[in-house]
Amino acid sequence: MKNLIYVLLLTVFFSCGNDKVVLLPEINHSEITEILDVSPGYLFYDETKTDSVELNRKNLISTTNWLINVDKRLTLKQVFPHIKYLQDKKANSSHKKEGVKNYFTCNDISNKNLGFIDFTNVAYVTDAKGYIKDLKTAHANIVILNQKNIRIITSNNNVLQTTKATLVETIKDLFQLEETLLYLEFYDSLSFQDYITIKALMTKLNLENIEISNHEIIFN
């Protein structure tokens, strides 16, 4: 399986045409390191285009797990219209297969290999005003402006300032005794690298009383 993973790494960097490179986002550790039955798609950073982004989806097969390789230099504003398009395309395919998933591909620097983040069931919300939150005993909004400026807004409207370095421990300290649903809100000027960094951190919570909503708000 490791041979397959190294082949995928080469594919990300060399198989998509003349001098086209995807700089994958880096994470310190991935819970998912092996995926079978895959097909790749690419979002390139392209300085020659007005919006600096190019989607290549010609190798995506709806009956497989999708590995979406996104250049870490792109912003969320550039990326997520394409991600939503791909999600809808797969969901509405007449050939889709039960159980196949969608993953973002990352460089797992702890293992010096590829890692993957599952986004199959994530629903990206851009109209926050029209969004009705789920009912829960308590909830909190985590607003990510950048990795050094993160706000946690509790259900009683207390606002705490934190950073990437202290985010996980702050959440654990705040909500260790109550059932809590966390909503993630991302500023759309964030780089895809910043987004993936926060997503990877959230996998470290592992607390039964804390749930992360599958609805993520992208705001400007």
C-alpha atoms as a PDB file:
ATOM      1  CA  MET A   1       0.000   0.000   0.000  1.00  0.00           C
ATOM      2  CA  LYS A   2       2.897   2.388   0.679  1.00  0.00           C
ATOM      3  CA  ASN A   3       4.010   1.957  -2.925  1.00  0.00           C
ATOM      4  CA  LEU A   4       0.551   3.102  -4.030  1.00  0.00           C
ATOM      5  CA  ILE A   5       0.759   6.145  -1.780  1.00  0.00           C
ATOM      6  CA  TYR A   6       4.133   7.180  -3.201  1.00  0.00           C
ATOM      7  CA  VAL A   7       2.742   6.807  -6.722  1.00  0.00           C
ATOM      8  CA  LEU A   8      -0.129   9.108  -5.732  1.00  0.00           C
ATOM      9  CA  LEU A   9       2.358  11.671  -4.473  1.00  0.00           C
ATOM     10  CA  LEU A  10       4.144  11.630  -7.835  1.00  0.00           C
ATOM     11  CA  THR A  11       0.791  11.901  -9.612  1.00  0.00           C
ATOM     12  CA  VAL A  12      -0.087  15.052  -7.695  1.00  0.00           C
ATOM     13  CA  PHE A  13       3.075  16.751  -8.818  1.00  0.00           C
ATOM     14  CA  PHE A  14       3.785  15.422 -12.291  1.00  0.00           C
ATOM     15  CA  SER A  15       0.835  13.894 -14.122  1.00  0.00           C
ATOM     16  CA  CYS A  16      -1.306  16.901 -14.943  1.00  0.00           C
ATOM     17  CA  GLY A  17       0.440  18.532 -17.856  1.00  0.00           C
ATOM     18  CA  ASN A  18       3.143  21.076 -18.558  1.00  0.00           C
ATOM     19  CA  ASP A  19       4.798  22.472 -15.439  1.00  0.00           C
ATOM     20  CA  LYS A  20       1.611  22.257 -13.354  1.00  0.00           C
ATOM     21  CA  VAL A  21       2.267  21.693  -9.679  1.00  0.00           C
ATOM     22  CA  VAL A  22       0.000  21.299  -6.668  1.00  0.00           C
ATOM     23  CA  LEU A  23       1.620  22.334  -3.388  1.00  0.00           C
ATOM     24  CA  LEU A  24      -0.308  20.191  -0.924  1.00  0.00           C
ATOM     25  CA  PRO A  25      -1.186  21.549   2.532  1.00  0.00           C
ATOM     26  CA  GLU A  26       0.913  20.162   5.367  1.00  0.00           C
ATOM     27  CA  ILE A  27      -0.372  18.649   8.608  1.00  0.00           C
ATOM     28  CA  ASN A  28       1.488  17.259  11.617  1.00  0.00           C
ATOM     29  CA  HIS A  29      -0.527  14.051  11.839  1.00  0.00           C
ATOM     30  CA  SER A  30      -3.324  12.371   9.904  1.00  0.00           C
ATOM     31  CA  GLU A  31      -5.816   9.864  11.267  1.00  0.00           C
ATOM     32  CA  ILE A  32      -6.322   8.516   7.719  1.00  0.00           C
ATOM     33  CA  THR A  33      -3.234   7.328   5.846  1.00  0.00           C
ATOM     34  CA  GLU A  34      -4.493   4.626   3.464  1.00  0.00           C
ATOM     35  CA  ILE A  35      -7.379   4.686   0.988  1.00  0.00           C
ATOM     36  CA  LEU A  36      -8.166   2.141  -1.702  1.00  0.00           C
ATOM     37  CA  ASP A  37     -10.184   2.474  -4.917  1.00  0.00           C
ATOM     38  CA  VAL A  38      -9.437   6.131  -5.627  1.00  0.00           C
ATOM     39  CA  SER A  39      -9.469   8.705  -8.395  1.00  0.00           C
ATOM     40  CA  PRO A  40      -7.880  12.183  -8.211  1.00  0.00           C
ATOM     41  CA  GLY A  41      -9.002  15.723  -8.918  1.00  0.00           C
ATOM     42  CA  TYR A  42      -6.867  18.858  -8.781  1.00  0.00           C
ATOM     43  CA  LEU A  43      -7.270  22.527  -7.943  1.00  0.00           C
ATOM     44  CA  PHE A  44      -4.226  24.379  -9.268  1.00  0.00           C
ATOM     45  CA  TYR A  45      -2.905  27.761  -8.264  1.00  0.00           C
ATOM     46  CA  ASP A  46      -2.469  29.585 -11.558  1.00  0.00           C
ATOM     47  CA  GLU A  47      -1.009  33.101 -11.531  1.00  0.00           C
ATOM     48  CA  THR A  48      -1.785  33.543 -15.225  1.00  0.00           C
ATOM     49  CA  LYS A  49      -5.563  33.393 -14.682  1.00  0.00           C
ATOM     50  CA  THR A  50      -7.733  36.198 -13.354  1.00  0.00           C
ATOM     51  CA  ASP A  51      -9.016  34.135 -10.419  1.00  0.00           C
ATOM     52  CA  SER A  52      -5.705  32.206  -9.996  1.00  0.00           C
ATOM     53  CA  VAL A  53      -7.444  28.826  -9.821  1.00  0.00           C
ATOM     54  CA  GLU A  54      -7.930  25.982 -12.290  1.00  0.00           C
ATOM     55  CA  LEU A  55      -9.943  22.812 -11.722  1.00  0.00           C
ATOM     56  CA  ASN A  56      -8.937  19.534 -13.364  1.00  0.00           C
ATOM     57  CA  ARG A  57     -11.562  16.851 -12.765  1.00  0.00           C
ATOM     58  CA  LYS A  58     -11.143  14.676 -15.847  1.00  0.00           C
ATOM     59  CA  ASN A  59      -9.789  11.708 -13.854  1.00  0.00           C
ATOM     60  CA  LEU A  60     -12.606  11.636 -11.281  1.00  0.00           C
ATOM     61  CA  ILE A  61     -14.790   8.510 -11.413  1.00  0.00           C
ATOM     62  CA  SER A  62     -18.055   8.696  -9.461  1.00  0.00           C
ATOM     63  CA  THR A  63     -17.889   5.062  -8.270  1.00  0.00           C
ATOM     64  CA  THR A  64     -14.547   5.621  -6.455  1.00  0.00           C
ATOM     65  CA  ASN A  65     -13.271   7.492  -3.431  1.00  0.00           C
ATOM     66  CA  TRP A  66     -12.237  10.965  -4.556  1.00  0.00           C
ATOM     67  CA  LEU A  67      -8.867  12.449  -3.585  1.00  0.00           C
ATOM     68  CA  ILE A  68      -9.111  16.201  -4.102  1.00  0.00           C
ATOM     69  CA  ASN A  69      -5.665  17.769  -4.298  1.00  0.00           C
ATOM     70  CA  VAL A  70      -5.893  21.492  -3.529  1.00  0.00           C
ATOM     71  CA  ASP A  71      -2.961  23.884  -3.746  1.00  0.00           C
ATOM     72  CA  LYS A  72      -2.353  25.292  -0.275  1.00  0.00           C
ATOM     73  CA  ARG A  73      -1.817  28.827  -1.643  1.00  0.00           C
ATOM     74  CA  LEU A  74      -5.427  29.170  -2.792  1.00  0.00           C
ATOM     75  CA  THR A  75      -7.945  30.993  -0.605  1.00  0.00           C
ATOM     76  CA  LEU A  76     -11.252  29.575   0.587  1.00  0.00           C
ATOM     77  CA  LYS A  77     -13.060  32.096  -1.610  1.00  0.00           C
ATOM     78  CA  GLN A  78     -11.323  30.563  -4.618  1.00  0.00           C
ATOM     79  CA  VAL A  79     -11.626  26.935  -3.540  1.00  0.00           C
ATOM     80  CA  PHE A  80     -15.108  26.308  -2.219  1.00  0.00           C
ATOM     81  CA  PRO A  81     -17.254  27.114  -5.260  1.00  0.00           C
ATOM     82  CA  HIS A  82     -15.323  24.301  -6.983  1.00  0.00           C
ATOM     83  CA  ILE A  83     -15.594  21.967  -3.981  1.00  0.00           C
ATOM     84  CA  LYS A  84     -19.365  22.463  -3.797  1.00  0.00           C
ATOM     85  CA  TYR A  85     -19.580  21.835  -7.532  1.00  0.00           C
ATOM     86  CA  LEU A  86     -17.700  18.543  -7.152  1.00  0.00           C
ATOM     87  CA  GLN A  87     -19.830  17.476  -4.186  1.00  0.00           C
ATOM     88  CA  ASP A  88     -23.029  18.120  -6.152  1.00  0.00           C
ATOM     89  CA  LYS A  89     -21.689  16.381  -9.235  1.00  0.00           C
ATOM     90  CA  LYS A  90     -20.939  13.203  -7.301  1.00  0.00           C
ATOM     91  CA  ALA A  91     -24.153  13.294  -5.263  1.00  0.00           C
ATOM     92  CA  ASN A  92     -26.267  13.651  -8.412  1.00  0.00           C
ATOM     93  CA  SER A  93     -24.390  11.109 -10.525  1.00  0.00           C
ATOM     94  CA  SER A  94     -26.473   8.227 -11.822  1.00  0.00           C
ATOM     95  CA  HIS A  95     -23.406   5.994 -11.433  1.00  0.00           C
ATOM     96  CA  LYS A  96     -22.528   6.848  -7.835  1.00  0.00           C
ATOM     97  CA  LYS A  97     -21.639   3.981  -5.510  1.00  0.00           C
ATOM     98  CA  GLU A  98     -22.789   3.586  -1.911  1.00  0.00           C
ATOM     99  CA  GLY A  99     -20.061   4.140   0.669  1.00  0.00           C
ATOM    100  CA  VAL A 100     -17.499   5.988  -1.438  1.00  0.00           C
ATOM    101  CA  LYS A 101     -16.148   9.178   0.112  1.00  0.00           C
ATOM    102  CA  ASN A 102     -14.385  12.453  -0.655  1.00  0.00           C
ATOM    103  CA  TYR A 103     -11.018  13.372   0.859  1.00  0.00           C
ATOM    104  CA  PHE A 104      -8.609  16.280   0.796  1.00  0.00           C
ATOM    105  CA  THR A 105      -5.031  15.114   0.242  1.00  0.00           C
ATOM    106  CA  CYS A 106      -2.304  16.463   2.549  1.00  0.00           C
ATOM    107  CA  ASN A 107       1.374  15.995   3.249  1.00  0.00           C
ATOM    108  CA  ASP A 108       1.638  14.288   6.650  1.00  0.00           C
ATOM    109  CA  ILE A 109       5.015  15.572   7.799  1.00  0.00           C
ATOM    110  CA  SER A 110       5.125  13.286  10.863  1.00  0.00           C
ATOM    111  CA  ASN A 111       5.013  10.171   8.650  1.00  0.00           C
ATOM    112  CA  LYS A 112       6.695  11.747   5.604  1.00  0.00           C
ATOM    113  CA  ASN A 113       3.802  10.426   3.559  1.00  0.00           C
ATOM    114  CA  LEU A 114       0.343  11.381   2.377  1.00  0.00           C
ATOM    115  CA  GLY A 115      -2.551  11.886   4.782  1.00  0.00           C
ATOM    116  CA  PHE A 116      -6.234  12.477   4.093  1.00  0.00           C
ATOM    117  CA  ILE A 117      -9.088  14.505   5.604  1.00  0.00           C
ATOM    118  CA  ASP A 118     -12.634  13.287   4.976  1.00  0.00           C
ATOM    119  CA  PHE A 119     -15.057  16.001   3.827  1.00  0.00           C
ATOM    120  CA  THR A 120     -17.773  13.752   2.405  1.00  0.00           C
ATOM    121  CA  ASN A 121     -20.567  15.007   4.663  1.00  0.00           C
ATOM    122  CA  VAL A 122     -19.427  18.593   5.128  1.00  0.00           C
ATOM    123  CA  ALA A 123     -22.007  21.154   3.998  1.00  0.00           C
ATOM    124  CA  TYR A 124     -20.506  24.544   3.219  1.00  0.00           C
ATOM    125  CA  VAL A 125     -22.742  27.468   4.131  1.00  0.00           C
ATOM    126  CA  THR A 126     -22.150  30.913   2.661  1.00  0.00           C
ATOM    127  CA  ASP A 127     -25.438  32.514   3.763  1.00  0.00           C
ATOM    128  CA  ALA A 128     -24.941  32.537   7.539  1.00  0.00           C
ATOM    129  CA  LYS A 129     -27.959  34.801   8.124  1.00  0.00           C
ATOM    130  CA  GLY A 130     -30.308  32.252   6.627  1.00  0.00           C
ATOM    131  CA  TYR A 131     -28.756  29.325   8.427  1.00  0.00           C
ATOM    132  CA  ILE A 132     -30.749  27.700  11.259  1.00  0.00           C
ATOM    133  CA  LYS A 133     -28.567  25.950  13.809  1.00  0.00           C
ATOM    134  CA  ASP A 134     -29.257  22.466  15.161  1.00  0.00           C
ATOM    135  CA  LEU A 135     -30.733  22.117  18.647  1.00  0.00           C
ATOM    136  CA  LYS A 136     -28.285  21.059  21.346  1.00  0.00           C
ATOM    137  CA  THR A 137     -27.830  21.478  25.101  1.00  0.00           C
ATOM    138  CA  ALA A 138     -25.144  24.066  24.373  1.00  0.00           C
ATOM    139  CA  HIS A 139     -23.285  25.255  21.341  1.00  0.00           C
ATOM    140  CA  ALA A 140     -20.322  27.430  20.466  1.00  0.00           C
ATOM    141  CA  ASN A 141     -19.113  29.140  17.335  1.00  0.00           C
ATOM    142  CA  ILE A 142     -15.409  29.007  16.540  1.00  0.00           C
ATOM    143  CA  VAL A 143     -14.578  31.895  14.238  1.00  0.00           C
ATOM    144  CA  ILE A 144     -11.239  31.515  12.451  1.00  0.00           C
ATOM    145  CA  LEU A 145      -9.885  34.775  11.036  1.00  0.00           C
ATOM    146  CA  ASN A 146      -6.359  33.392  10.799  1.00  0.00           C
ATOM    147  CA  GLN A 147      -4.195  31.006  12.800  1.00  0.00           C
ATOM    148  CA  LYS A 148      -3.280  33.718  15.313  1.00  0.00           C
ATOM    149  CA  ASN A 149      -6.751  35.204  15.633  1.00  0.00           C
ATOM    150  CA  ILE A 150      -9.450  32.709  16.585  1.00  0.00           C
ATOM    151  CA  ARG A 151     -12.571  33.578  18.569  1.00  0.00           C
ATOM    152  CA  ILE A 152     -14.717  31.169  20.536  1.00  0.00           C
ATOM    153  CA  ILE A 153     -18.256  32.479  21.079  1.00  0.00           C
ATOM    154  CA  THR A 154     -20.198  30.476  23.686  1.00  0.00           C
ATOM    155  CA  SER A 155     -23.953  29.985  23.891  1.00  0.00           C
ATOM    156  CA  ASN A 156     -24.222  32.821  26.436  1.00  0.00           C
ATOM    157  CA  ASN A 157     -22.281  35.124  24.079  1.00  0.00           C
ATOM    158  CA  ASN A 158     -19.004  35.131  25.960  1.00  0.00           C
ATOM    159  CA  VAL A 159     -16.112  35.722  23.551  1.00  0.00           C
ATOM    160  CA  LEU A 160     -12.690  34.222  24.137  1.00  0.00           C
ATOM    161  CA  GLN A 161      -9.622  34.936  22.038  1.00  0.00           C
ATOM    162  CA  THR A 162      -7.255  32.074  21.260  1.00  0.00           C
ATOM    163  CA  THR A 163      -4.730  30.891  18.670  1.00  0.00           C
ATOM    164  CA  LYS A 164      -3.962  27.730  16.735  1.00  0.00           C
ATOM    165  CA  ALA A 165      -1.447  26.712  19.410  1.00  0.00           C
ATOM    166  CA  THR A 166      -3.975  26.798  22.265  1.00  0.00           C
ATOM    167  CA  LEU A 167      -7.252  26.091  20.447  1.00  0.00           C
ATOM    168  CA  VAL A 168      -7.715  22.415  21.342  1.00  0.00           C
ATOM    169  CA  GLU A 169      -6.876  22.821  25.028  1.00  0.00           C
ATOM    170  CA  THR A 170      -9.107  25.909  25.289  1.00  0.00           C
ATOM    171  CA  ILE A 171     -12.058  23.989  23.867  1.00  0.00           C
ATOM    172  CA  LYS A 172     -11.470  21.074  26.234  1.00  0.00           C
ATOM    173  CA  ASP A 173     -11.254  23.384  29.249  1.00  0.00           C
ATOM    174  CA  LEU A 174     -14.386  25.310  28.298  1.00  0.00           C
ATOM    175  CA  PHE A 175     -16.686  22.421  27.478  1.00  0.00           C
ATOM    176  CA  GLN A 176     -15.406  19.423  29.422  1.00  0.00           C
ATOM    177  CA  LEU A 177     -18.575  19.187  31.539  1.00  0.00           C
ATOM    178  CA  GLU A 178     -21.359  19.893  29.045  1.00  0.00           C
ATOM    179  CA  GLU A 179     -22.702  18.482  25.822  1.00  0.00           C
ATOM    180  CA  THR A 180     -21.619  20.903  23.135  1.00  0.00           C
ATOM    181  CA  LEU A 181     -22.012  21.296  19.397  1.00  0.00           C
ATOM    182  CA  LEU A 182     -19.231  23.300  17.778  1.00  0.00           C
ATOM    183  CA  TYR A 183     -19.774  25.323  14.610  1.00  0.00           C
ATOM    184  CA  LEU A 184     -16.736  26.281  12.576  1.00  0.00           C
ATOM    185  CA  GLU A 185     -16.719  29.603  10.753  1.00  0.00           C
ATOM    186  CA  PHE A 186     -13.898  30.435   8.342  1.00  0.00           C
ATOM    187  CA  TYR A 187     -13.006  33.826   6.902  1.00  0.00           C
ATOM    188  CA  ASP A 188     -12.961  33.373   3.123  1.00  0.00           C
ATOM    189  CA  SER A 189      -9.578  35.080   2.707  1.00  0.00           C
ATOM    190  CA  LEU A 190      -7.935  32.227   4.648  1.00  0.00           C
ATOM    191  CA  SER A 191      -5.486  30.126   2.698  1.00  0.00           C
ATOM    192  CA  PHE A 192      -6.366  26.496   2.145  1.00  0.00           C
ATOM    193  CA  GLN A 193      -3.311  25.659   4.282  1.00  0.00           C
ATOM    194  CA  ASP A 194      -4.822  27.564   7.229  1.00  0.00           C
ATOM    195  CA  TYR A 195      -8.151  25.799   6.723  1.00  0.00           C
ATOM    196  CA  ILE A 196      -6.584  22.337   6.687  1.00  0.00           C
ATOM    197  CA  THR A 197      -4.491  23.154   9.766  1.00  0.00           C
ATOM    198  CA  ILE A 198      -7.652  23.904  11.773  1.00  0.00           C
ATOM    199  CA  LYS A 199      -9.468  20.854  10.394  1.00  0.00           C
ATOM    200  CA  ALA A 200      -6.584  18.615  11.449  1.00  0.00           C
ATOM    201  CA  LEU A 201      -6.566  20.145  14.937  1.00  0.00           C
ATOM    202  CA  MET A 202     -10.268  19.392  15.363  1.00  0.00           C
ATOM    203  CA  THR A 203      -9.590  15.665  14.954  1.00  0.00           C
ATOM    204  CA  LYS A 204      -7.593  15.820  18.200  1.00  0.00           C
ATOM    205  CA  LEU A 205     -10.596  16.657  20.402  1.00  0.00           C
ATOM    206  CA  ASN A 206     -11.874  13.062  20.768  1.00  0.00           C
ATOM    207  CA  LEU A 207     -14.357  13.916  23.543  1.00  0.00           C
ATOM    208  CA  GLU A 208     -17.714  12.154  23.732  1.00  0.00           C
ATOM    209  CA  ASN A 209     -19.554  15.294  24.844  1.00  0.00           C
ATOM    210  CA  ILE A 210     -18.218  17.495  22.022  1.00  0.00           C
ATOM    211  CA  GLU A 211     -19.603  17.219  18.502  1.00  0.00           C
ATOM    212  CA  ILE A 212     -18.467  19.215  15.503  1.00  0.00           C
ATOM    213  CA  SER A 213     -21.276  20.257  13.172  1.00  0.00           C
ATOM    214  CA  ASN A 214     -20.980  19.085   9.583  1.00  0.00           C
ATOM    215  CA  HIS A 215     -22.121  22.571   8.523  1.00  0.00           C
ATOM    216  CA  GLU A 216     -19.166  24.929   8.035  1.00  0.00           C
ATOM    217  CA  ILE A 217     -19.758  28.627   7.466  1.00  0.00           C
ATOM    218  CA  ILE A 218     -17.578  30.496   4.962  1.00  0.00           C
ATOM    219  CA  PHE A 219     -17.935  34.252   5.447  1.00  0.00           C
ATOM    220  CA  ASN A 220     -16.355  37.434   4.098  1.00  0.00           C
END
